[in-house]
Amino acid sequence: MKKFCILFRCSPHGTVRGREGLDLALLSASFEQEVSLVFVDEGVLHLIKDQQPELIGAKDYISTFKALPLYDIESVFVCKQSLADYGLSHGLLSVPVTVVNDEAIAAHLKQVDEVLVF
């Protein structure tokens, strides 16, 4: 079984990157690959509760993150510094995550077979 890490670095709206990253994560997990997600920089914005992307003409794929447990994607990491940079707290996030520092993220990335950045 291959270990994939999907790294979300870009904001959730304005491009299709976030949706493509989520689709890849769910598809890979459905083929019984071990998938983890890491959110850094603007990527942490994917996790904010109660977004309404349809107000700006975007599709609401953000709510699909709530399906991660159904696909056995349990390793969801968020950069502590990125949360602080955007003034976000654990309580504002829509899914359960593990908040980690840069060193923990680097260690995790070394343990996987593939890292895909979106």
Protein backbone atom coordinates (compact mmCIF):
# COMPACT_ATOMS: atom_id res chain seq x y z
CA MET A 1 0.00 0.00 0.00
CA LYS A 2 1.36 3.39 -1.01
CA LYS A 3 1.29 6.34 1.36
CA PHE A 4 0.06 9.57 -0.19
CA CYS A 5 0.12 13.00 1.39
CA ILE A 6 -2.00 15.73 -0.12
CA LEU A 7 -0.58 19.13 0.82
CA PHE A 8 -3.02 22.03 0.59
CA ARG A 9 -1.18 25.35 0.20
CA CYS A 10 -3.55 27.50 -1.87
CA SER A 11 -6.77 29.23 -0.90
CA PRO A 12 -9.98 27.31 -1.45
CA HIS A 13 -11.70 29.63 -3.91
CA GLY A 14 -10.64 31.13 -7.22
CA THR A 15 -8.98 28.00 -8.61
CA VAL A 16 -9.85 24.32 -8.85
CA ARG A 17 -6.74 23.19 -6.97
CA GLY A 18 -8.49 22.55 -3.68
CA ARG A 19 -11.27 20.56 -5.27
CA GLU A 20 -8.77 18.52 -7.28
CA GLY A 21 -6.72 17.80 -4.15
CA LEU A 22 -9.78 16.65 -2.24
CA ASP A 23 -10.98 14.51 -5.16
CA LEU A 24 -7.57 12.88 -5.41
CA ALA A 25 -7.52 12.19 -1.68
CA LEU A 26 -10.95 10.54 -1.71
CA LEU A 27 -10.22 8.58 -4.88
CA SER A 28 -6.89 7.32 -3.56
CA ALA A 29 -8.44 6.31 -0.26
CA SER A 30 -11.24 4.47 -2.05
CA PHE A 31 -8.54 2.32 -3.67
CA GLU A 32 -7.24 1.53 -0.18
CA GLN A 33 -4.19 3.74 -0.31
CA GLU A 34 -3.06 5.35 2.94
CA VAL A 35 -3.88 9.05 2.58
CA SER A 36 -2.99 11.95 4.83
CA LEU A 37 -3.77 15.63 4.42
CA VAL A 38 -1.62 18.58 5.44
CA PHE A 39 -2.87 22.18 5.41
CA VAL A 40 -0.34 25.02 5.37
CA ASP A 41 -0.29 28.69 4.37
CA GLU A 42 -3.56 29.73 2.65
CA GLY A 43 -4.57 26.06 2.57
CA VAL A 44 -5.84 26.33 6.16
CA LEU A 45 -8.73 28.42 4.80
CA HIS A 46 -10.26 25.22 3.39
CA LEU A 47 -11.13 24.17 6.91
CA ILE A 48 -13.13 27.18 8.13
CA LYS A 49 -16.67 26.32 9.24
CA ASP A 50 -19.81 27.61 7.56
CA GLN A 51 -18.32 28.91 4.33
CA GLN A 52 -20.76 30.04 1.65
CA PRO A 53 -18.78 29.86 -1.60
CA GLU A 54 -21.96 29.98 -3.69
CA LEU A 55 -22.22 33.68 -2.78
CA ILE A 56 -19.17 34.31 -4.97
CA GLY A 57 -20.29 31.91 -7.68
CA ALA A 58 -18.12 29.00 -6.53
CA LYS A 59 -19.23 25.43 -5.86
CA ASP A 60 -19.38 24.23 -2.29
CA TYR A 61 -16.89 21.38 -2.21
CA ILE A 62 -15.66 22.47 1.23
CA SER A 63 -18.45 20.57 2.98
CA THR A 64 -17.09 17.37 1.41
CA PHE A 65 -14.17 17.49 3.86
CA LYS A 66 -16.65 16.20 6.44
CA ALA A 67 -16.67 12.88 4.52
CA LEU A 68 -13.00 12.16 5.26
CA PRO A 69 -13.77 9.64 8.05
CA LEU A 70 -15.99 7.68 5.65
CA TYR A 71 -12.91 7.13 3.49
CA ASP A 72 -10.72 6.25 6.49
CA ILE A 73 -8.68 9.43 6.09
CA GLU A 74 -7.81 10.09 9.69
CA SER A 75 -4.43 11.82 9.43
CA VAL A 76 -5.31 15.47 8.93
CA PHE A 77 -2.60 17.90 9.99
CA VAL A 78 -2.72 21.68 10.16
CA CYS A 79 0.25 23.99 10.52
CA LYS A 80 0.11 25.78 13.86
CA GLN A 81 1.88 28.86 12.48
CA SER A 82 -0.48 29.09 9.49
CA LEU A 83 -3.48 29.05 11.82
CA ALA A 84 -1.90 31.85 13.84
CA ASP A 85 -1.08 33.83 10.69
CA TYR A 86 -4.77 33.84 9.73
CA GLY A 87 -6.05 34.34 13.27
CA LEU A 88 -7.80 30.96 13.31
CA SER A 89 -8.35 28.71 16.28
CA HIS A 90 -9.09 25.01 16.47
CA GLY A 91 -12.75 25.79 17.24
CA LEU A 92 -13.27 27.56 13.92
CA LEU A 93 -12.39 24.48 11.88
CA SER A 94 -15.02 22.24 10.30
CA VAL A 95 -13.26 18.88 10.68
CA PRO A 96 -11.14 17.23 13.40
CA VAL A 97 -7.45 17.99 12.85
CA THR A 98 -4.12 17.63 14.54
CA VAL A 99 -2.36 20.96 14.90
CA VAL A 100 1.39 20.53 14.43
CA ASN A 101 4.53 22.62 14.02
CA ASP A 102 6.75 22.85 10.94
CA GLU A 103 9.13 20.17 12.22
CA ALA A 104 6.31 17.65 12.63
CA ILE A 105 5.08 18.39 9.10
CA ALA A 106 8.58 17.89 7.69
CA ALA A 107 8.91 14.58 9.57
CA HIS A 108 5.54 13.41 8.24
CA LEU A 109 6.44 14.29 4.65
CA LYS A 110 9.57 12.13 4.94
CA GLN A 111 7.45 9.12 5.96
CA VAL A 112 5.18 9.05 2.89
CA ASP A 113 5.83 7.73 -0.61
CA GLU A 114 4.29 10.60 -2.57
CA VAL A 115 3.56 14.25 -1.73
CA LEU A 116 1.16 16.06 -4.02
CA VAL A 117 0.80 19.82 -3.61
CA PHE A 118 -2.41 21.68 -4.35
